[in-house]
Amino acid sequence: MNSKKERYKRTMLDLAKNEDLVSGIYNYCDRWCERCTKTRKCLTYLHEQEMKEGADAQNSDDENQHFWEQIRLAWEVTMELIEEDADRLGIDLNNVPEIELPEHIETPLEVRAKDYGFKMHDWLEKNREYIAEKAEQLVMIADEALIVKYKDALEVLQWYYFFIGTKVHRAHLDLEERQNDPEDEYSVYSDNLGSAKIAIIAIERSMDALSVFYDDFKEREDDILGFLAELSSLKKQLLKTFPGVMDFKRPGFDD
């Protein structure tokens, strides 16, 4: 068991020496590695690939076991590195004063973004057969280009519908305090801006995906217009809440 943890830690530290990596590139991405063009610069992605190569997964049960094992190893290695740094800096982790974190109360925007995710999930489930029938019609007329277009649009909607709410929530954590900190010594507010920006990007991509269906799904036109209107409103409010957010430079993506 310890050998696995040591391999996990050693692999991560060795990969971190790669000068081509962009520090923090994984902080404000959409975690869609299969569609990412920057994976060669991402420590998280490269480390995950290295650990996959050492896995012995033969079926879904093995894959699931490997997944949870990686979560456990990530936690153990992180805590070990924190303890090493604390020891180096002369910090006694057993004598750290307790900090009472303020309770976060969700804003109306957070609630709306989360609700969008559930509504889109339910809508796609409800219209599963309808979408499948549309796909069958395209197969019959051999319109492969449109099949791929619909497939990609559907994947985009599925990938982002919960992601948007998660990032909008993160963007609002300690927001007032961070926005009003004139010094912001550790650039903490950048986390709010980065989270808000990737949420806006996800919203824009979801709107593009919905537009693909709008032209041909006439029977669902009102539903699609409703989702487009809601996403447009969410984007508008995010831009208002986070002035200059689109000027924020995400490491590795916007430099």
C-alpha atoms as a PDB file:
ATOM      1  CA  MET A   1       0.000   0.000   0.000  1.00  0.00           C
ATOM      2  CA  ASN A   2       2.809   2.384   0.957  1.00  0.00           C
ATOM      3  CA  SER A   3       4.604   1.590  -2.291  1.00  0.00           C
ATOM      4  CA  LYS A   4       1.600   2.879  -4.218  1.00  0.00           C
ATOM      5  CA  LYS A   5       1.617   6.107  -2.242  1.00  0.00           C
ATOM      6  CA  GLU A   6       5.356   6.529  -2.779  1.00  0.00           C
ATOM      7  CA  ARG A   7       4.944   5.938  -6.508  1.00  0.00           C
ATOM      8  CA  TYR A   8       2.078   8.444  -6.635  1.00  0.00           C
ATOM      9  CA  LYS A   9       4.167  11.045  -4.817  1.00  0.00           C
ATOM     10  CA  ARG A  10       7.396  10.359  -6.707  1.00  0.00           C
ATOM     11  CA  THR A  11       5.651  10.472 -10.095  1.00  0.00           C
ATOM     12  CA  MET A  12       3.995  13.794  -9.288  1.00  0.00           C
ATOM     13  CA  LEU A  13       7.221  15.399  -8.038  1.00  0.00           C
ATOM     14  CA  ASP A  14       9.190  14.131 -11.051  1.00  0.00           C
ATOM     15  CA  LEU A  15       6.600  15.446 -13.500  1.00  0.00           C
ATOM     16  CA  ALA A  16       6.562  18.805 -11.720  1.00  0.00           C
ATOM     17  CA  LYS A  17      10.157  19.333 -12.874  1.00  0.00           C
ATOM     18  CA  ASN A  18       8.935  19.587 -16.490  1.00  0.00           C
ATOM     19  CA  GLU A  19       9.686  23.141 -17.607  1.00  0.00           C
ATOM     20  CA  ASP A  20       6.895  23.032 -20.200  1.00  0.00           C
ATOM     21  CA  LEU A  21       4.205  22.862 -17.516  1.00  0.00           C
ATOM     22  CA  VAL A  22       2.091  25.932 -16.779  1.00  0.00           C
ATOM     23  CA  SER A  23       1.636  26.482 -13.074  1.00  0.00           C
ATOM     24  CA  GLY A  24      -2.026  26.475 -12.068  1.00  0.00           C
ATOM     25  CA  ILE A  25      -3.383  25.762 -15.566  1.00  0.00           C
ATOM     26  CA  TYR A  26      -5.793  23.221 -14.036  1.00  0.00           C
ATOM     27  CA  ASN A  27      -7.360  25.759 -11.666  1.00  0.00           C
ATOM     28  CA  TYR A  28      -9.668  27.440 -14.176  1.00  0.00           C
ATOM     29  CA  CYS A  29     -10.201  24.836 -16.886  1.00  0.00           C
ATOM     30  CA  ASP A  30     -13.395  22.867 -17.528  1.00  0.00           C
ATOM     31  CA  ARG A  31     -11.833  19.472 -16.675  1.00  0.00           C
ATOM     32  CA  TRP A  32     -12.779  18.157 -20.110  1.00  0.00           C
ATOM     33  CA  CYS A  33      -9.373  16.675 -20.834  1.00  0.00           C
ATOM     34  CA  GLU A  34     -10.555  14.776 -23.919  1.00  0.00           C
ATOM     35  CA  ARG A  35     -11.353  18.094 -25.613  1.00  0.00           C
ATOM     36  CA  CYS A  36      -8.441  20.114 -24.213  1.00  0.00           C
ATOM     37  CA  THR A  37      -5.572  21.353 -26.388  1.00  0.00           C
ATOM     38  CA  LYS A  38      -3.303  22.154 -23.436  1.00  0.00           C
ATOM     39  CA  THR A  39      -2.905  18.754 -21.770  1.00  0.00           C
ATOM     40  CA  ARG A  40       0.840  18.626 -22.400  1.00  0.00           C
ATOM     41  CA  LYS A  41       1.182  21.686 -20.135  1.00  0.00           C
ATOM     42  CA  CYS A  42      -0.983  20.316 -17.312  1.00  0.00           C
ATOM     43  CA  LEU A  43       0.540  18.499 -14.337  1.00  0.00           C
ATOM     44  CA  THR A  44      -2.817  17.109 -13.265  1.00  0.00           C
ATOM     45  CA  TYR A  45      -3.484  15.515 -16.661  1.00  0.00           C
ATOM     46  CA  LEU A  46       0.021  14.120 -17.104  1.00  0.00           C
ATOM     47  CA  HIS A  47       0.017  12.688 -13.601  1.00  0.00           C
ATOM     48  CA  GLU A  48      -3.366  11.040 -14.136  1.00  0.00           C
ATOM     49  CA  GLN A  49      -2.101   9.450 -17.346  1.00  0.00           C
ATOM     50  CA  GLU A  50       1.033   8.146 -15.642  1.00  0.00           C
ATOM     51  CA  MET A  51      -1.023   6.573 -12.872  1.00  0.00           C
ATOM     52  CA  LYS A  52      -3.444   5.027 -15.376  1.00  0.00           C
ATOM     53  CA  GLU A  53      -0.567   3.276 -17.132  1.00  0.00           C
ATOM     54  CA  GLY A  54       0.232   1.506 -13.905  1.00  0.00           C
ATOM     55  CA  ALA A  55      -3.323   0.357 -13.283  1.00  0.00           C
ATOM     56  CA  ASP A  56      -4.467  -3.215 -13.827  1.00  0.00           C
ATOM     57  CA  ALA A  57      -8.109  -2.410 -14.596  1.00  0.00           C
ATOM     58  CA  GLN A  58      -9.847  -5.219 -16.471  1.00  0.00           C
ATOM     59  CA  ASN A  59     -13.494  -4.240 -16.015  1.00  0.00           C
ATOM     60  CA  SER A  60     -15.690  -1.478 -14.626  1.00  0.00           C
ATOM     61  CA  ASP A  61     -15.284  -2.708 -11.043  1.00  0.00           C
ATOM     62  CA  ASP A  62     -11.511  -2.559 -11.368  1.00  0.00           C
ATOM     63  CA  GLU A  63     -11.739   0.904 -12.898  1.00  0.00           C
ATOM     64  CA  ASN A  64     -13.936   2.138 -10.060  1.00  0.00           C
ATOM     65  CA  GLN A  65     -11.587   0.677  -7.481  1.00  0.00           C
ATOM     66  CA  HIS A  66      -8.656   2.407  -9.199  1.00  0.00           C
ATOM     67  CA  PHE A  67     -10.570   5.720  -9.191  1.00  0.00           C
ATOM     68  CA  TRP A  68     -11.237   5.657  -5.450  1.00  0.00           C
ATOM     69  CA  GLU A  69      -7.716   4.521  -4.754  1.00  0.00           C
ATOM     70  CA  GLN A  70      -6.372   7.546  -6.632  1.00  0.00           C
ATOM     71  CA  ILE A  71      -8.623   9.832  -4.571  1.00  0.00           C
ATOM     72  CA  ARG A  72      -7.274   8.299  -1.370  1.00  0.00           C
ATOM     73  CA  LEU A  73      -3.667   8.547  -2.542  1.00  0.00           C
ATOM     74  CA  ALA A  74      -4.156  12.177  -3.586  1.00  0.00           C
ATOM     75  CA  TRP A  75      -5.405  13.017  -0.096  1.00  0.00           C
ATOM     76  CA  GLU A  76      -2.631  11.131   1.699  1.00  0.00           C
ATOM     77  CA  VAL A  77       0.143  12.592  -0.462  1.00  0.00           C
ATOM     78  CA  THR A  78      -1.268  16.115  -0.131  1.00  0.00           C
ATOM     79  CA  MET A  79      -1.344  15.837   3.656  1.00  0.00           C
ATOM     80  CA  GLU A  80       2.166  14.403   3.673  1.00  0.00           C
ATOM     81  CA  LEU A  81       3.496  17.309   1.587  1.00  0.00           C
ATOM     82  CA  ILE A  82       1.736  19.818   3.869  1.00  0.00           C
ATOM     83  CA  GLU A  83       3.321  18.189   6.917  1.00  0.00           C
ATOM     84  CA  GLU A  84       6.768  18.293   5.264  1.00  0.00           C
ATOM     85  CA  ASP A  85       6.393  21.996   4.433  1.00  0.00           C
ATOM     86  CA  ALA A  86       5.106  22.771   7.912  1.00  0.00           C
ATOM     87  CA  ASP A  87       8.060  20.969   9.461  1.00  0.00           C
ATOM     88  CA  ARG A  88      10.470  22.869   7.206  1.00  0.00           C
ATOM     89  CA  LEU A  89       8.886  26.188   8.194  1.00  0.00           C
ATOM     90  CA  GLY A  90       8.760  25.308  11.874  1.00  0.00           C
ATOM     91  CA  ILE A  91       4.970  25.185  12.063  1.00  0.00           C
ATOM     92  CA  ASP A  92       3.338  22.863  14.583  1.00  0.00           C
ATOM     93  CA  LEU A  93       0.190  21.585  12.886  1.00  0.00           C
ATOM     94  CA  ASN A  94      -1.045  20.235  16.206  1.00  0.00           C
ATOM     95  CA  ASN A  95      -1.041  23.727  17.653  1.00  0.00           C
ATOM     96  CA  VAL A  96      -2.795  25.731  14.955  1.00  0.00           C
ATOM     97  CA  PRO A  97      -5.572  27.990  16.249  1.00  0.00           C
ATOM     98  CA  GLU A  98      -9.060  27.133  15.100  1.00  0.00           C
ATOM     99  CA  ILE A  99     -10.573  29.449  12.517  1.00  0.00           C
ATOM    100  CA  GLU A 100     -14.318  29.866  12.422  1.00  0.00           C
ATOM    101  CA  LEU A 101     -15.328  30.076   8.774  1.00  0.00           C
ATOM    102  CA  PRO A 102     -18.381  32.194   8.018  1.00  0.00           C
ATOM    103  CA  GLU A 103     -21.432  30.374   6.714  1.00  0.00           C
ATOM    104  CA  HIS A 104     -21.896  30.887   3.004  1.00  0.00           C
ATOM    105  CA  ILE A 105     -25.401  31.903   2.015  1.00  0.00           C
ATOM    106  CA  GLU A 106     -26.180  31.233  -1.630  1.00  0.00           C
ATOM    107  CA  THR A 107     -26.995  34.255  -3.744  1.00  0.00           C
ATOM    108  CA  PRO A 108     -29.996  34.233  -6.113  1.00  0.00           C
ATOM    109  CA  LEU A 109     -27.556  33.891  -9.014  1.00  0.00           C
ATOM    110  CA  GLU A 110     -26.028  30.749  -7.515  1.00  0.00           C
ATOM    111  CA  VAL A 111     -29.484  29.263  -7.005  1.00  0.00           C
ATOM    112  CA  ARG A 112     -30.489  30.015 -10.603  1.00  0.00           C
ATOM    113  CA  ALA A 113     -27.292  28.533 -12.007  1.00  0.00           C
ATOM    114  CA  LYS A 114     -27.790  25.365  -9.975  1.00  0.00           C
ATOM    115  CA  ASP A 115     -31.448  25.154 -10.980  1.00  0.00           C
ATOM    116  CA  TYR A 116     -30.466  25.429 -14.653  1.00  0.00           C
ATOM    117  CA  GLY A 117     -28.363  22.291 -14.246  1.00  0.00           C
ATOM    118  CA  PHE A 118     -31.222  20.250 -12.814  1.00  0.00           C
ATOM    119  CA  LYS A 119     -33.698  21.573 -15.376  1.00  0.00           C
ATOM    120  CA  MET A 120     -31.404  20.797 -18.306  1.00  0.00           C
ATOM    121  CA  HIS A 121     -30.666  17.342 -16.908  1.00  0.00           C
ATOM    122  CA  ASP A 122     -34.384  16.608 -16.552  1.00  0.00           C
ATOM    123  CA  TRP A 123     -35.161  18.019 -20.014  1.00  0.00           C
ATOM    124  CA  LEU A 124     -32.560  15.828 -21.692  1.00  0.00           C
ATOM    125  CA  GLU A 125     -33.858  12.766 -19.850  1.00  0.00           C
ATOM    126  CA  LYS A 126     -37.446  13.598 -20.770  1.00  0.00           C
ATOM    127  CA  ASN A 127     -36.526  14.082 -24.430  1.00  0.00           C
ATOM    128  CA  ARG A 128     -34.169  11.144 -24.740  1.00  0.00           C
ATOM    129  CA  GLU A 129     -36.472   9.253 -27.136  1.00  0.00           C
ATOM    130  CA  TYR A 130     -37.217  12.386 -29.156  1.00  0.00           C
ATOM    131  CA  ILE A 131     -33.513  13.081 -29.669  1.00  0.00           C
ATOM    132  CA  ALA A 132     -32.898   9.418 -30.541  1.00  0.00           C
ATOM    133  CA  GLU A 133     -35.652   9.559 -33.185  1.00  0.00           C
ATOM    134  CA  LYS A 134     -34.039  12.633 -34.715  1.00  0.00           C
ATOM    135  CA  ALA A 135     -30.730  10.781 -34.826  1.00  0.00           C
ATOM    136  CA  GLU A 136     -32.350   7.791 -36.540  1.00  0.00           C
ATOM    137  CA  GLN A 137     -33.791  10.066 -39.210  1.00  0.00           C
ATOM    138  CA  LEU A 138     -30.322  11.443 -39.897  1.00  0.00           C
ATOM    139  CA  VAL A 139     -28.904   7.926 -40.146  1.00  0.00           C
ATOM    140  CA  MET A 140     -31.569   7.033 -42.700  1.00  0.00           C
ATOM    141  CA  ILE A 141     -30.627   9.954 -44.932  1.00  0.00           C
ATOM    142  CA  ALA A 142     -26.918   9.357 -44.258  1.00  0.00           C
ATOM    143  CA  ASP A 143     -26.261  12.908 -43.077  1.00  0.00           C
ATOM    144  CA  GLU A 144     -23.088  12.081 -41.176  1.00  0.00           C
ATOM    145  CA  ALA A 145     -22.003  15.703 -40.783  1.00  0.00           C
ATOM    146  CA  LEU A 146     -25.207  16.634 -38.991  1.00  0.00           C
ATOM    147  CA  ILE A 147     -25.046  13.483 -36.865  1.00  0.00           C
ATOM    148  CA  VAL A 148     -21.621  14.525 -35.599  1.00  0.00           C
ATOM    149  CA  LYS A 149     -22.859  18.090 -35.079  1.00  0.00           C
ATOM    150  CA  TYR A 150     -25.802  16.913 -32.943  1.00  0.00           C
ATOM    151  CA  LYS A 151     -23.624  14.465 -31.026  1.00  0.00           C
ATOM    152  CA  ASP A 152     -21.086  17.154 -30.184  1.00  0.00           C
ATOM    153  CA  ALA A 153     -23.806  19.614 -29.152  1.00  0.00           C
ATOM    154  CA  LEU A 154     -25.399  17.023 -26.879  1.00  0.00           C
ATOM    155  CA  GLU A 155     -22.064  16.228 -25.250  1.00  0.00           C
ATOM    156  CA  VAL A 156     -21.474  19.927 -24.592  1.00  0.00           C
ATOM    157  CA  LEU A 157     -24.855  20.336 -22.887  1.00  0.00           C
ATOM    158  CA  GLN A 158     -24.305  17.232 -20.774  1.00  0.00           C
ATOM    159  CA  TRP A 159     -20.798  18.213 -19.746  1.00  0.00           C
ATOM    160  CA  TYR A 160     -21.631  21.724 -18.612  1.00  0.00           C
ATOM    161  CA  TYR A 161     -25.129  21.702 -17.107  1.00  0.00           C
ATOM    162  CA  PHE A 162     -23.939  20.989 -13.550  1.00  0.00           C
ATOM    163  CA  PHE A 163     -20.485  22.451 -14.102  1.00  0.00           C
ATOM    164  CA  ILE A 164     -21.945  25.957 -14.531  1.00  0.00           C
ATOM    165  CA  GLY A 165     -23.637  25.961 -11.143  1.00  0.00           C
ATOM    166  CA  THR A 166     -20.525  24.606  -9.435  1.00  0.00           C
ATOM    167  CA  LYS A 167     -18.294  27.346 -10.831  1.00  0.00           C
ATOM    168  CA  VAL A 168     -20.827  30.110 -10.187  1.00  0.00           C
ATOM    169  CA  HIS A 169     -20.963  28.926  -6.574  1.00  0.00           C
ATOM    170  CA  ARG A 170     -17.165  28.937  -6.246  1.00  0.00           C
ATOM    171  CA  ALA A 171     -16.992  32.385  -7.815  1.00  0.00           C
ATOM    172  CA  HIS A 172     -19.166  33.756  -4.994  1.00  0.00           C
ATOM    173  CA  LEU A 173     -17.199  32.346  -2.045  1.00  0.00           C
ATOM    174  CA  ASP A 174     -16.149  35.210   0.282  1.00  0.00           C
ATOM    175  CA  LEU A 175     -16.843  37.486  -2.677  1.00  0.00           C
ATOM    176  CA  GLU A 176     -17.619  40.742  -0.861  1.00  0.00           C
ATOM    177  CA  GLU A 177     -14.633  40.412   1.441  1.00  0.00           C
ATOM    178  CA  ARG A 178     -12.251  39.640  -1.417  1.00  0.00           C
ATOM    179  CA  GLN A 179     -13.579  42.351  -3.720  1.00  0.00           C
ATOM    180  CA  ASN A 180     -13.162  44.945  -0.972  1.00  0.00           C
ATOM    181  CA  ASP A 181      -9.648  43.907   0.025  1.00  0.00           C
ATOM    182  CA  PRO A 182      -7.447  46.740  -1.303  1.00  0.00           C
ATOM    183  CA  GLU A 183      -4.241  44.760  -0.855  1.00  0.00           C
ATOM    184  CA  ASP A 184      -5.220  41.154  -1.626  1.00  0.00           C
ATOM    185  CA  GLU A 185      -1.669  40.117  -0.810  1.00  0.00           C
ATOM    186  CA  TYR A 186      -2.113  36.550  -2.060  1.00  0.00           C
ATOM    187  CA  SER A 187      -4.341  37.379  -5.058  1.00  0.00           C
ATOM    188  CA  VAL A 188      -7.204  35.422  -3.514  1.00  0.00           C
ATOM    189  CA  TYR A 189      -9.784  37.325  -5.573  1.00  0.00           C
ATOM    190  CA  SER A 190      -8.250  35.834  -8.726  1.00  0.00           C
ATOM    191  CA  ASP A 191      -9.919  32.543  -7.789  1.00  0.00           C
ATOM    192  CA  ASN A 192     -13.320  34.238  -7.935  1.00  0.00           C
ATOM    193  CA  LEU A 193     -12.510  35.818 -11.283  1.00  0.00           C
ATOM    194  CA  GLY A 194     -11.126  32.603 -12.752  1.00  0.00           C
ATOM    195  CA  SER A 195     -14.149  30.625 -11.608  1.00  0.00           C
ATOM    196  CA  ALA A 196     -16.555  33.236 -12.965  1.00  0.00           C
ATOM    197  CA  LYS A 197     -14.754  33.344 -16.311  1.00  0.00           C
ATOM    198  CA  ILE A 198     -14.833  29.588 -16.902  1.00  0.00           C
ATOM    199  CA  ALA A 199     -18.515  29.631 -15.903  1.00  0.00           C
ATOM    200  CA  ILE A 200     -19.175  32.268 -18.567  1.00  0.00           C
ATOM    201  CA  ILE A 201     -17.237  30.249 -21.143  1.00  0.00           C
ATOM    202  CA  ALA A 202     -19.301  27.174 -20.264  1.00  0.00           C
ATOM    203  CA  ILE A 203     -22.486  29.233 -20.613  1.00  0.00           C
ATOM    204  CA  GLU A 204     -21.449  30.494 -24.046  1.00  0.00           C
ATOM    205  CA  ARG A 205     -20.598  26.989 -25.240  1.00  0.00           C
ATOM    206  CA  SER A 206     -23.922  25.685 -23.923  1.00  0.00           C
ATOM    207  CA  MET A 207     -25.756  28.451 -25.795  1.00  0.00           C
ATOM    208  CA  ASP A 208     -23.927  27.510 -28.995  1.00  0.00           C
ATOM    209  CA  ALA A 209     -24.933  23.884 -28.463  1.00  0.00           C
ATOM    210  CA  LEU A 210     -28.583  24.794 -27.897  1.00  0.00           C
ATOM    211  CA  SER A 211     -28.530  26.877 -31.071  1.00  0.00           C
ATOM    212  CA  VAL A 212     -27.605  23.736 -33.013  1.00  0.00           C
ATOM    213  CA  PHE A 213     -30.840  22.071 -31.888  1.00  0.00           C
ATOM    214  CA  TYR A 214     -32.990  25.178 -32.241  1.00  0.00           C
ATOM    215  CA  ASP A 215     -32.966  25.118 -36.044  1.00  0.00           C
ATOM    216  CA  ASP A 216     -34.289  21.544 -36.359  1.00  0.00           C
ATOM    217  CA  PHE A 217     -36.109  20.736 -33.111  1.00  0.00           C
ATOM    218  CA  LYS A 218     -39.176  22.808 -33.941  1.00  0.00           C
ATOM    219  CA  GLU A 219     -41.376  20.826 -31.566  1.00  0.00           C
ATOM    220  CA  ARG A 220     -39.076  21.840 -28.692  1.00  0.00           C
ATOM    221  CA  GLU A 221     -38.499  25.409 -29.839  1.00  0.00           C
ATOM    222  CA  ASP A 222     -40.110  27.062 -26.800  1.00  0.00           C
ATOM    223  CA  ASP A 223     -38.099  24.938 -24.371  1.00  0.00           C
ATOM    224  CA  ILE A 224     -34.846  25.724 -26.132  1.00  0.00           C
ATOM    225  CA  LEU A 225     -35.631  29.439 -26.231  1.00  0.00           C
ATOM    226  CA  GLY A 226     -36.307  29.329 -22.513  1.00  0.00           C
ATOM    227  CA  PHE A 227     -32.921  27.771 -21.798  1.00  0.00           C
ATOM    228  CA  LEU A 228     -31.188  30.252 -24.092  1.00  0.00           C
ATOM    229  CA  ALA A 229     -32.857  33.146 -22.316  1.00  0.00           C
ATOM    230  CA  GLU A 230     -31.901  31.801 -18.896  1.00  0.00           C
ATOM    231  CA  LEU A 231     -28.264  31.237 -19.891  1.00  0.00           C
ATOM    232  CA  SER A 232     -28.089  34.702 -21.442  1.00  0.00           C
ATOM    233  CA  SER A 233     -29.428  36.192 -18.204  1.00  0.00           C
ATOM    234  CA  LEU A 234     -26.910  34.242 -16.115  1.00  0.00           C
ATOM    235  CA  LYS A 235     -24.059  35.481 -18.288  1.00  0.00           C
ATOM    236  CA  LYS A 236     -25.262  39.078 -18.095  1.00  0.00           C
ATOM    237  CA  GLN A 237     -25.465  38.936 -14.296  1.00  0.00           C
ATOM    238  CA  LEU A 238     -22.007  37.361 -13.995  1.00  0.00           C
ATOM    239  CA  LEU A 239     -20.505  40.115 -16.121  1.00  0.00           C
ATOM    240  CA  LYS A 240     -22.198  42.671 -13.873  1.00  0.00           C
ATOM    241  CA  THR A 241     -21.130  40.981 -10.637  1.00  0.00           C
ATOM    242  CA  PHE A 242     -17.520  40.550 -11.764  1.00  0.00           C
ATOM    243  CA  PRO A 243     -16.459  43.726 -13.619  1.00  0.00           C
ATOM    244  CA  GLY A 244     -13.618  43.066 -16.068  1.00  0.00           C
ATOM    245  CA  VAL A 245     -13.868  39.308 -15.577  1.00  0.00           C
ATOM    246  CA  MET A 246     -13.202  38.533 -19.230  1.00  0.00           C
ATOM    247  CA  ASP A 247      -9.882  40.390 -18.984  1.00  0.00           C
ATOM    248  CA  PHE A 248      -8.681  37.921 -16.356  1.00  0.00           C
ATOM    249  CA  LYS A 249      -5.860  35.793 -17.744  1.00  0.00           C
ATOM    250  CA  ARG A 250      -6.273  32.108 -17.030  1.00  0.00           C
ATOM    251  CA  PRO A 251      -2.806  30.488 -16.802  1.00  0.00           C
ATOM    252  CA  GLY A 252      -1.966  28.667 -20.012  1.00  0.00           C
ATOM    253  CA  PHE A 253      -5.215  29.569 -21.769  1.00  0.00           C
ATOM    254  CA  ASP A 254      -5.392  33.341 -22.052  1.00  0.00           C
ATOM    255  CA  ASP A 255      -1.734  34.381 -21.895  1.00  0.00           C
END
